[in-house]
């Protein structure tokens, strides 16, 4: 017992072998963009963080409702939550290894001894009953901190799963927002295409009247009819894409496609934020869940090196192998003279293993080096994501303004051409060219607006979304 106490005191006062974890010291840039490149107009609000529910920046009640339903019913979220619970339970299991193990056993037997052998029973009977009740206690002192390092590694993996859950929330909300924007874009394209079809139908009727009056030839009517047919043919593909987009939204909400969702989205119902909070570069790594998960992976790998080192050192096991009572009758258990006990200790030092433990330690160190490189890669990717989104937003503003000007210009030009065609001053071919230009400009404006909204979502996702697992509880 004295040896057990000494080993316990040594375990409590000893240090864990292996490297202690230190957060990576990464030199971060002071800006997301190269020097001299200005931010877009809505990004003037610097040093702020996104709200936890960042999608509310679009001021869309249907979007808010659909994202709330998705977070509640998505199997992807449930999978990530279960992974976190598994990691938490694994930590509890490993923490239990630091305490003694106690087993209670009871073994009733009936035995017959061969006549050629002496009976072990006090009564010398060859057939007798034996009832044995015993307690077994074993304890392995964590002398070199191998178990503590294992617990540390599992705790880091638990934190990693927590950040991966954050990343799941962020990815899901971004996917829902992007799907809603794409639906709104498809509805906008459908509306624009239907307007174009209706307009071309009116022109076609006008051209037919002029053919009857002899002002235009049959070739002009055929050309306008062909253009009308092409415009009508562009409707079914858009309608198909919209139907598939509705299925995607339904699935993201954790429902079957046959159930559908009530929310519908139009570009007019999705507002661009007046100001976009832009996290400072020095704090980006704290807000990105994927970067934080990569850091915890590095922490876990670092602790695994200590586990590998401890496995090469002596291992001591102490315990009461058995403490109990045996009797021929159950009623005699625990009476005087029936007790027995044995106390044992064991120490094991690996002497020859063909270098396996050494190579396992080298592999653990290589895994830690790999995790460090992956962490640095995650940081670089995070800054690239933000830079890409910032530049996209800046050029989106220019593109949308240009698309609006092009739509107005082609609309004015088309109105003039129609008036001139009615007076016989221009050919039908000129009108067809004008209609094609207006159609392309109208659709381009819809797509430019959708691109701008989608790139705002990309920026929110690149900045980490402001989401935290604590907010989901």
Protein backbone atom coordinates (compact mmCIF):
# COMPACT_ATOMS: atom_id res chain seq x y z
CA UNK A 1 0.00 0.00 0.00
CA UNK A 2 2.92 2.33 0.70
CA UNK A 3 4.22 1.74 -2.80
CA UNK A 4 0.80 2.63 -4.22
CA UNK A 5 0.67 5.87 -2.23
CA UNK A 6 4.18 6.85 -3.32
CA UNK A 7 3.29 6.20 -6.94
CA UNK A 8 0.08 8.22 -6.57
CA UNK A 9 2.00 11.19 -5.12
CA UNK A 10 4.54 10.96 -7.92
CA UNK A 11 1.75 10.94 -10.50
CA UNK A 12 0.09 13.98 -8.99
CA UNK A 13 3.31 15.96 -8.78
CA UNK A 14 4.88 14.80 -12.04
CA UNK A 15 4.98 16.70 -15.31
CA UNK A 16 3.49 15.42 -18.53
CA UNK A 17 6.12 14.55 -21.11
CA UNK A 18 5.98 16.00 -24.59
CA UNK A 19 5.67 19.56 -25.89
CA UNK A 20 3.18 21.92 -24.24
CA UNK A 21 0.83 23.50 -26.75
CA UNK A 22 1.50 27.10 -27.75
CA UNK A 23 -0.84 28.93 -30.13
CA UNK A 24 0.74 29.52 -33.54
CA UNK A 25 2.31 32.94 -33.89
CA UNK A 26 1.16 33.96 -37.33
CA UNK A 27 2.10 37.38 -38.69
CA UNK A 28 -1.17 38.70 -40.13
CA UNK A 29 -1.45 41.48 -42.74
CA UNK A 30 -2.90 44.87 -41.88
CA UNK A 31 -5.27 44.87 -44.85
CA UNK A 32 -7.21 42.39 -46.93
CA UNK A 33 -6.42 44.12 -50.23
CA UNK A 34 -3.15 45.29 -51.75
CA UNK A 35 -2.02 48.80 -50.86
CA UNK A 36 -3.87 51.49 -52.78
CA UNK A 37 -7.01 49.43 -53.47
CA UNK A 38 -10.04 51.09 -51.93
CA UNK A 39 -13.04 49.31 -50.46
CA UNK A 40 -16.49 49.49 -52.03
CA UNK A 41 -18.96 52.07 -50.73
CA UNK A 42 -20.99 49.84 -48.34
CA UNK A 43 -17.77 48.70 -46.62
CA UNK A 44 -16.89 51.94 -44.88
CA UNK A 45 -17.81 50.53 -41.45
CA UNK A 46 -14.50 49.05 -40.31
CA UNK A 47 -13.55 47.22 -37.15
CA UNK A 48 -17.04 45.87 -36.51
CA UNK A 49 -18.28 42.31 -36.43
CA UNK A 50 -21.22 40.74 -38.17
CA UNK A 51 -24.40 40.14 -36.20
CA UNK A 52 -24.94 36.52 -35.19
CA UNK A 53 -27.91 36.32 -37.55
CA UNK A 54 -26.06 37.98 -40.41
CA UNK A 55 -28.76 37.12 -42.96
CA UNK A 56 -31.05 39.71 -41.35
CA UNK A 57 -28.92 42.33 -43.15
CA UNK A 58 -31.06 41.57 -46.24
CA UNK A 59 -34.27 42.59 -44.39
CA UNK A 60 -36.24 39.66 -45.78
CA UNK A 61 -38.80 38.05 -43.49
CA UNK A 62 -39.18 34.98 -45.78
CA UNK A 63 -35.41 34.44 -45.70
CA UNK A 64 -35.33 34.74 -41.91
CA UNK A 65 -38.13 32.18 -41.58
CA UNK A 66 -36.59 29.70 -44.01
CA UNK A 67 -33.16 29.83 -42.38
CA UNK A 68 -34.74 29.33 -38.95
CA UNK A 69 -36.54 26.23 -40.26
CA UNK A 70 -33.35 24.93 -41.88
CA UNK A 71 -31.32 25.28 -38.69
CA UNK A 72 -34.01 23.42 -36.78
CA UNK A 73 -34.62 20.51 -39.17
CA UNK A 74 -31.46 20.03 -41.24
CA UNK A 75 -29.93 16.53 -40.89
CA UNK A 76 -26.52 18.09 -41.62
CA UNK A 77 -26.79 20.07 -38.39
CA UNK A 78 -27.97 17.00 -36.48
CA UNK A 79 -24.96 15.06 -37.80
CA UNK A 80 -22.53 17.74 -36.59
CA UNK A 81 -24.26 17.94 -33.21
CA UNK A 82 -23.98 14.16 -32.78
CA UNK A 83 -20.27 14.30 -33.69
CA UNK A 84 -19.77 16.87 -30.93
CA UNK A 85 -21.53 14.66 -28.39
CA UNK A 86 -19.37 11.70 -29.40
CA UNK A 87 -16.23 13.76 -28.83
CA UNK A 88 -17.47 14.92 -25.42
CA UNK A 89 -18.20 11.37 -24.33
CA UNK A 90 -14.76 10.21 -25.48
CA UNK A 91 -13.19 12.83 -23.24
CA UNK A 92 -15.19 11.53 -20.28
CA UNK A 93 -14.07 7.97 -21.04
CA UNK A 94 -10.39 8.94 -21.12
CA UNK A 95 -10.68 11.02 -17.94
CA UNK A 96 -11.96 7.89 -16.19
CA UNK A 97 -8.62 6.18 -16.86
CA UNK A 98 -6.99 8.49 -14.30
CA UNK A 99 -9.00 6.85 -11.47
CA UNK A 100 -8.77 3.35 -9.96
CA UNK A 101 -10.93 0.64 -11.48
CA UNK A 102 -13.03 -1.40 -9.04
CA UNK A 103 -14.84 -4.61 -9.99
CA UNK A 104 -17.19 -6.64 -7.81
CA UNK A 105 -17.65 -10.32 -8.57
CA UNK A 106 -19.59 -13.29 -7.21
CA UNK A 107 -18.96 -16.84 -8.41
CA UNK A 108 -21.07 -19.78 -7.16
CA UNK A 109 -19.76 -23.24 -8.22
CA UNK A 110 -20.46 -26.93 -7.50
CA UNK A 111 -17.42 -29.17 -7.90
CA UNK A 112 -16.53 -32.84 -7.83
CA UNK A 113 -12.99 -33.89 -7.07
CA UNK A 114 -11.56 -37.09 -8.55
CA UNK A 115 -11.16 -39.90 -6.08
CA UNK A 116 -7.42 -40.04 -6.71
CA UNK A 117 -7.01 -36.41 -5.52
CA UNK A 118 -7.33 -34.89 -2.09
CA UNK A 119 -10.32 -32.65 -1.61
CA UNK A 120 -9.51 -28.96 -0.97
CA UNK A 121 -12.67 -28.63 1.14
CA UNK A 122 -12.30 -28.55 4.92
CA UNK A 123 -14.91 -31.31 5.15
CA UNK A 124 -12.83 -33.51 2.78
CA UNK A 125 -15.96 -34.10 0.70
CA UNK A 126 -15.36 -34.94 -2.98
CA UNK A 127 -18.50 -33.06 -3.99
CA UNK A 128 -18.99 -29.62 -2.52
CA UNK A 129 -20.32 -26.13 -3.21
CA UNK A 130 -18.11 -23.05 -3.26
CA UNK A 131 -19.33 -19.46 -3.13
CA UNK A 132 -16.77 -16.72 -3.81
CA UNK A 133 -17.34 -13.00 -3.53
CA UNK A 134 -14.46 -10.63 -4.23
CA UNK A 135 -13.49 -7.08 -5.03
CA UNK A 136 -10.71 -6.32 -7.51
CA UNK A 137 -9.01 -2.92 -7.57
CA UNK A 138 -6.45 -1.81 -10.12
CA UNK A 139 -4.76 1.52 -10.63
CA UNK A 140 -2.25 2.76 -13.19
CA UNK A 141 -0.52 5.93 -12.01
CA UNK A 142 -0.08 8.49 -14.78
CA UNK A 143 3.58 8.96 -13.91
CA UNK A 144 4.66 10.59 -17.15
CA UNK A 145 1.39 12.24 -18.15
CA UNK A 146 0.50 9.93 -21.01
CA UNK A 147 -3.15 9.82 -19.97
CA UNK A 148 -3.22 13.57 -19.35
CA UNK A 149 -1.87 14.16 -22.84
CA UNK A 150 -4.50 11.78 -24.23
CA UNK A 151 -7.24 13.72 -22.40
CA UNK A 152 -5.76 16.97 -23.70
CA UNK A 153 -5.82 15.62 -27.26
CA UNK A 154 -9.44 14.49 -26.95
CA UNK A 155 -10.47 17.83 -25.42
CA UNK A 156 -8.87 19.58 -28.39
CA UNK A 157 -10.79 17.27 -30.72
CA UNK A 158 -13.98 18.21 -28.86
CA UNK A 159 -13.24 21.89 -29.42
CA UNK A 160 -12.54 21.09 -33.06
CA UNK A 161 -15.94 19.44 -33.39
CA UNK A 162 -17.55 22.46 -31.75
CA UNK A 163 -15.98 24.76 -34.34
CA UNK A 164 -16.93 22.34 -37.11
CA UNK A 165 -20.50 22.61 -35.85
CA UNK A 166 -20.17 26.39 -36.13
CA UNK A 167 -18.89 25.91 -39.67
CA UNK A 168 -21.89 23.69 -40.43
CA UNK A 169 -24.28 26.39 -39.24
CA UNK A 170 -22.43 28.96 -41.33
CA UNK A 171 -22.37 26.82 -44.46
CA UNK A 172 -26.06 25.93 -44.13
CA UNK A 173 -27.21 29.52 -43.65
CA UNK A 174 -25.04 30.66 -46.57
CA UNK A 175 -26.40 27.88 -48.79
CA UNK A 176 -29.98 28.81 -47.95
CA UNK A 177 -29.30 32.50 -48.61
CA UNK A 178 -27.61 31.73 -51.94
CA UNK A 179 -30.44 29.40 -52.96
CA UNK A 180 -32.97 32.12 -52.14
CA UNK A 181 -31.02 34.67 -54.18
CA UNK A 182 -30.80 32.26 -57.10
CA UNK A 183 -34.56 31.69 -56.93
CA UNK A 184 -35.12 35.44 -56.92
CA UNK A 185 -32.80 35.79 -59.92
CA UNK A 186 -34.70 33.09 -61.81
CA UNK A 187 -38.01 34.78 -61.05
CA UNK A 188 -36.52 38.05 -62.27
CA UNK A 189 -35.29 36.42 -65.47
CA UNK A 190 -38.67 34.78 -66.00
CA UNK A 191 -40.49 38.08 -65.50
CA UNK A 192 -38.13 39.87 -67.89
CA UNK A 193 -38.43 37.11 -70.48
CA UNK A 194 -42.23 37.13 -70.28
CA UNK A 195 -42.24 40.89 -70.78
CA UNK A 196 -40.00 40.46 -73.79
CA UNK A 197 -42.25 37.73 -75.20
CA UNK A 198 -45.32 39.94 -74.75
CA UNK A 199 -43.54 42.89 -76.37
CA UNK A 200 -42.37 40.81 -79.30
CA UNK A 201 -45.86 39.41 -79.73
CA UNK A 202 -47.15 42.99 -80.07
CA UNK A 203 -44.43 43.82 -82.58
CA UNK A 204 -45.18 40.64 -84.48
CA UNK A 205 -48.84 41.65 -84.74
CA UNK A 206 -47.78 45.11 -85.95
CA UNK A 207 -45.45 43.61 -88.55
CA UNK A 208 -48.25 41.36 -89.84
CA UNK A 209 -50.50 44.39 -90.29
CA UNK A 210 -47.77 46.18 -92.24
CA UNK A 211 -47.26 43.12 -94.40
CA UNK A 212 -50.97 43.18 -95.20
CA UNK A 213 -50.66 46.86 -96.12
CA UNK A 214 -47.67 46.12 -98.30
CA UNK A 215 -45.25 48.20 -96.22
CA UNK A 216 -43.13 45.16 -95.20
CA UNK A 217 -42.31 41.90 -96.92
CA UNK A 218 -43.02 38.34 -95.83
CA UNK A 219 -39.33 37.92 -94.94
CA UNK A 220 -39.67 40.65 -92.30
CA UNK A 221 -42.67 38.89 -90.78
CA UNK A 222 -40.85 35.56 -90.78
CA UNK A 223 -37.85 37.09 -89.03
CA UNK A 224 -40.02 38.63 -86.31
CA UNK A 225 -41.92 35.38 -85.90
CA UNK A 226 -38.62 33.51 -85.48
CA UNK A 227 -37.47 35.97 -82.83
CA UNK A 228 -40.77 35.55 -80.97
CA UNK A 229 -40.42 31.76 -81.11
CA UNK A 230 -36.86 31.92 -79.74
CA UNK A 231 -38.02 34.11 -76.85
CA UNK A 232 -40.90 31.74 -76.06
CA UNK A 233 -38.50 28.78 -76.18
CA UNK A 234 -36.34 30.38 -73.48
CA UNK A 235 -39.18 30.21 -70.93
CA UNK A 236 -39.34 26.41 -70.26
CA UNK A 237 -35.63 26.10 -69.28
CA UNK A 238 -36.04 28.97 -66.81
CA UNK A 239 -39.20 27.42 -65.40
CA UNK A 240 -37.38 24.08 -65.03
CA UNK A 241 -34.50 25.74 -63.18
CA UNK A 242 -36.95 27.51 -60.88
CA UNK A 243 -38.72 24.25 -60.06
CA UNK A 244 -35.40 22.58 -59.24
CA UNK A 245 -34.39 25.57 -57.13
CA UNK A 246 -37.59 25.19 -55.13
CA UNK A 247 -36.66 21.55 -54.52
CA UNK A 248 -33.23 22.64 -53.29
CA UNK A 249 -34.73 25.14 -50.85
CA UNK A 250 -37.10 22.48 -49.55
CA UNK A 251 -34.28 19.99 -49.01
CA UNK A 252 -32.11 22.58 -47.24
CA UNK A 253 -35.06 23.16 -44.90
CA UNK A 254 -34.96 19.46 -43.97
CA UNK A 255 -38.14 18.53 -45.83
CA UNK A 256 -39.04 16.26 -48.72
CA UNK A 257 -39.42 17.91 -52.10
CA UNK A 258 -43.09 16.90 -52.15
CA UNK A 259 -43.73 18.98 -49.01
CA UNK A 260 -42.42 22.24 -50.45
CA UNK A 261 -41.85 25.51 -48.61
CA UNK A 262 -44.18 28.46 -48.38
CA UNK A 263 -41.48 31.13 -48.74
CA UNK A 264 -40.90 32.64 -52.17
CA UNK A 265 -38.21 35.12 -53.15
CA UNK A 266 -38.06 38.13 -55.45
CA UNK A 267 -35.08 40.39 -56.03
CA UNK A 268 -37.14 43.37 -54.86
CA UNK A 269 -37.64 41.63 -51.50
CA UNK A 270 -33.90 41.28 -50.82
CA UNK A 271 -32.28 44.56 -49.82
CA UNK A 272 -28.58 45.27 -50.04
CA UNK A 273 -27.16 46.26 -46.64
CA UNK A 274 -26.48 49.96 -46.22
CA UNK A 275 -23.28 49.15 -44.31
CA UNK A 276 -21.36 45.90 -44.16
CA UNK A 277 -19.44 45.24 -40.94
CA UNK A 278 -15.86 44.39 -41.83
CA UNK A 279 -13.84 42.49 -39.24
CA UNK A 280 -10.28 43.74 -38.81
CA UNK A 281 -7.64 41.46 -40.37
CA UNK A 282 -5.97 40.98 -36.99
CA UNK A 283 -9.10 39.29 -35.62
CA UNK A 284 -10.22 37.27 -38.64
CA UNK A 285 -8.67 34.04 -37.37
CA UNK A 286 -10.78 34.33 -34.21
CA UNK A 287 -14.04 34.60 -36.20
CA UNK A 288 -13.51 31.88 -38.82
CA UNK A 289 -14.76 28.51 -37.47
CA UNK A 290 -12.73 26.54 -40.01
CA UNK A 291 -9.53 28.28 -38.91
CA UNK A 292 -10.34 27.66 -35.25
CA UNK A 293 -11.06 24.00 -36.05
CA UNK A 294 -7.68 23.73 -37.80
CA UNK A 295 -6.00 25.19 -34.72
CA UNK A 296 -7.66 22.63 -32.44
CA UNK A 297 -6.55 19.89 -34.82
CA UNK A 298 -3.00 21.18 -34.35
CA UNK A 299 -3.50 21.18 -30.57
CA UNK A 300 -4.69 17.57 -30.63
CA UNK A 301 -1.76 16.48 -32.79
CA UNK A 302 0.67 18.28 -30.47
CA UNK A 303 -0.72 16.40 -27.45
CA UNK A 304 -0.48 13.10 -29.34
CA UNK A 305 3.30 13.57 -29.46
CA UNK A 306 3.34 13.50 -25.65
CA UNK A 307 1.26 10.31 -25.67
CA UNK A 308 3.77 8.66 -28.01
CA UNK A 309 6.69 9.70 -25.78
CA UNK A 310 4.96 8.40 -22.62
CA UNK A 311 4.39 5.03 -24.28
CA UNK A 312 8.18 4.56 -24.47
CA UNK A 313 8.61 5.06 -20.71
CA UNK A 314 8.00 2.63 -17.80
CA UNK A 315 4.41 1.81 -16.98
CA UNK A 316 3.37 0.89 -13.42
CA UNK A 317 0.16 -0.89 -12.41
CA UNK A 318 -0.82 -1.31 -8.77
CA UNK A 319 -3.82 -2.96 -7.27
CA UNK A 320 -5.59 -5.38 -5.04
CA UNK A 321 -5.84 -8.38 -7.32
CA UNK A 322 -8.46 -9.94 -5.08
CA UNK A 323 -10.08 -9.20 -1.75
CA UNK A 324 -13.02 -11.33 -0.79
CA UNK A 325 -14.48 -14.39 0.84
CA UNK A 326 -15.06 -18.03 -0.10
CA UNK A 327 -17.34 -20.47 1.66
CA UNK A 328 -19.10 -23.78 1.03
CA UNK A 329 -22.41 -22.23 1.94
CA UNK A 330 -23.74 -18.87 0.90
CA UNK A 331 -24.72 -18.09 4.49
CA UNK A 332 -21.08 -18.55 5.61
CA UNK A 333 -19.69 -15.86 3.32
CA UNK A 334 -17.74 -13.12 5.13
CA UNK A 335 -17.51 -15.17 8.36
CA UNK A 336 -14.23 -15.48 10.18
CA UNK A 337 -11.71 -17.59 8.36
CA UNK A 338 -13.29 -17.24 4.90
CA UNK A 339 -11.48 -14.09 3.81
CA UNK A 340 -8.61 -13.88 1.35
CA UNK A 341 -6.66 -11.14 -0.38
CA UNK A 342 -3.69 -10.52 -2.64
CA UNK A 343 -1.81 -7.30 -3.37
CA UNK A 344 0.40 -6.96 -6.42
CA UNK A 345 2.25 -4.41 -8.45
CA UNK A 346 3.62 -4.52 -11.97
CA UNK A 347 6.17 -2.37 -13.79
CA UNK A 348 6.82 -2.67 -17.50
CA UNK A 349 9.61 -1.04 -19.49
CA UNK A 350 9.77 -1.65 -23.25
CA UNK A 351 13.21 -3.05 -24.11
CA UNK A 352 12.97 -4.23 -27.70
CA UNK A 353 10.10 -3.53 -30.09
CA UNK A 354 11.98 -3.31 -33.39
CA UNK A 355 11.76 0.46 -33.23
CA UNK A 356 7.94 0.55 -33.39
CA UNK A 357 7.46 2.99 -30.50
CA UNK A 358 10.18 5.27 -31.81
CA UNK A 359 8.60 5.36 -35.24
CA UNK A 360 5.17 5.99 -33.71
CA UNK A 361 6.63 9.00 -31.94
CA UNK A 362 8.19 10.19 -35.20
CA UNK A 363 4.84 9.70 -36.96
CA UNK A 364 3.07 11.70 -34.24
CA UNK A 365 5.58 14.53 -34.67
CA UNK A 366 5.09 14.43 -38.45
CA UNK A 367 1.31 14.59 -37.91
CA UNK A 368 1.81 17.67 -35.74
CA UNK A 369 3.93 19.27 -38.47
CA UNK A 370 1.23 18.44 -40.99
CA UNK A 371 -1.47 20.00 -38.79
CA UNK A 372 0.66 23.15 -38.42
CA UNK A 373 0.93 23.45 -42.21
CA UNK A 374 -2.81 22.85 -42.59
CA UNK A 375 -3.51 25.58 -40.04
CA UNK A 376 -1.37 28.05 -41.97
CA UNK A 377 -3.14 27.04 -45.18
CA UNK A 378 -6.51 27.67 -43.52
CA UNK A 379 -5.40 31.17 -42.50
CA UNK A 380 -4.20 31.95 -46.03
CA UNK A 381 -7.46 30.65 -47.53
CA UNK A 382 -9.48 32.75 -45.08
CA UNK A 383 -7.74 35.95 -46.15
CA UNK A 384 -8.10 34.99 -49.81
CA UNK A 385 -11.84 34.40 -49.35
CA UNK A 386 -12.30 37.85 -47.81
CA UNK A 387 -10.15 39.54 -50.47
CA UNK A 388 -12.08 37.79 -53.27
CA UNK A 389 -15.42 38.84 -51.79
CA UNK A 390 -14.30 42.46 -51.28
CA UNK A 391 -13.09 42.80 -54.84
CA UNK A 392 -16.19 41.08 -56.17
CA UNK A 393 -18.45 43.51 -54.30
CA UNK A 394 -16.52 46.48 -55.60
CA UNK A 395 -16.84 45.37 -59.23
CA UNK A 396 -20.43 44.21 -58.72
CA UNK A 397 -21.42 47.81 -57.97
CA UNK A 398 -19.78 48.97 -61.19
CA UNK A 399 -21.37 46.13 -63.16
CA UNK A 400 -24.88 46.80 -61.85
CA UNK A 401 -24.66 50.51 -62.60
CA UNK A 402 -23.49 49.71 -66.12
CA UNK A 403 -26.31 47.17 -66.55
CA UNK A 404 -28.90 49.74 -65.43
CA UNK A 405 -27.55 52.30 -67.90
CA UNK A 406 -27.55 49.71 -70.67
CA UNK A 407 -31.15 48.75 -69.93
CA UNK A 408 -32.32 52.35 -69.99
CA UNK A 409 -30.41 53.09 -73.20
CA UNK A 410 -31.66 50.00 -75.04
CA UNK A 411 -35.22 50.62 -73.83
CA UNK A 412 -35.14 54.19 -75.21
CA UNK A 413 -33.59 52.97 -78.43
CA UNK A 414 -36.21 50.25 -78.82
CA UNK A 415 -39.06 52.70 -78.23
CA UNK A 416 -37.68 54.97 -80.95
CA UNK A 417 -37.25 52.04 -83.34
CA UNK A 418 -40.84 50.92 -82.81
CA UNK A 419 -42.14 54.39 -83.54
CA UNK A 420 -40.01 54.60 -86.64
CA UNK A 421 -41.10 51.15 -87.78
CA UNK A 422 -44.75 52.19 -87.43
CA UNK A 423 -43.98 55.14 -89.74
CA UNK A 424 -41.97 52.98 -92.14
CA UNK A 425 -38.71 54.85 -91.45
CA UNK A 426 -36.66 51.77 -90.40
CA UNK A 427 -36.52 48.17 -91.45
CA UNK A 428 -37.79 45.24 -89.42
CA UNK A 429 -34.20 44.03 -89.17
CA UNK A 430 -33.23 47.16 -87.24
CA UNK A 431 -36.09 46.55 -84.85
CA UNK A 432 -35.03 42.93 -84.36
CA UNK A 433 -31.50 44.03 -83.48
CA UNK A 434 -32.87 46.58 -81.03
CA UNK A 435 -35.10 44.00 -79.36
CA UNK A 436 -32.21 41.58 -78.93
CA UNK A 437 -30.06 44.28 -77.35
CA UNK A 438 -32.86 45.22 -74.94
CA UNK A 439 -33.47 41.59 -73.99
CA UNK A 440 -29.81 41.00 -73.22
CA UNK A 441 -29.58 44.24 -71.21
CA UNK A 442 -32.66 43.42 -69.15
CA UNK A 443 -31.45 39.96 -68.28
CA UNK A 444 -27.95 41.29 -67.55
CA UNK A 445 -29.36 43.76 -65.03
CA UNK A 446 -31.21 40.97 -63.21
CA UNK A 447 -28.07 38.84 -63.08
CA UNK A 448 -25.93 41.78 -61.94
CA UNK A 449 -28.27 42.38 -59.02
CA UNK A 450 -28.21 38.69 -58.09
CA UNK A 451 -24.41 38.61 -58.30
CA UNK A 452 -24.19 41.56 -55.96
CA UNK A 453 -26.43 39.90 -53.38
CA UNK A 454 -24.58 36.59 -53.65
CA UNK A 455 -21.22 38.26 -53.14
CA UNK A 456 -22.51 39.91 -49.96
CA UNK A 457 -23.35 36.40 -48.73
CA UNK A 458 -19.84 35.30 -49.73
CA UNK A 459 -18.33 38.15 -47.71
CA UNK A 460 -20.41 37.31 -44.64
CA UNK A 461 -19.34 33.69 -44.91
CA UNK A 462 -15.69 34.65 -45.47
CA UNK A 463 -15.74 36.79 -42.32
CA UNK A 464 -17.02 33.88 -40.24
CA UNK A 465 -20.67 34.85 -40.18
CA UNK A 466 -20.68 36.05 -36.59
CA UNK A 467 -22.08 32.64 -35.64
CA UNK A 468 -21.17 30.74 -32.50
CA UNK A 469 -22.25 27.36 -31.21
CA UNK A 470 -23.24 29.02 -27.94
CA UNK A 471 -25.90 30.98 -29.84
CA UNK A 472 -27.43 27.77 -31.15
CA UNK A 473 -28.15 26.33 -27.72
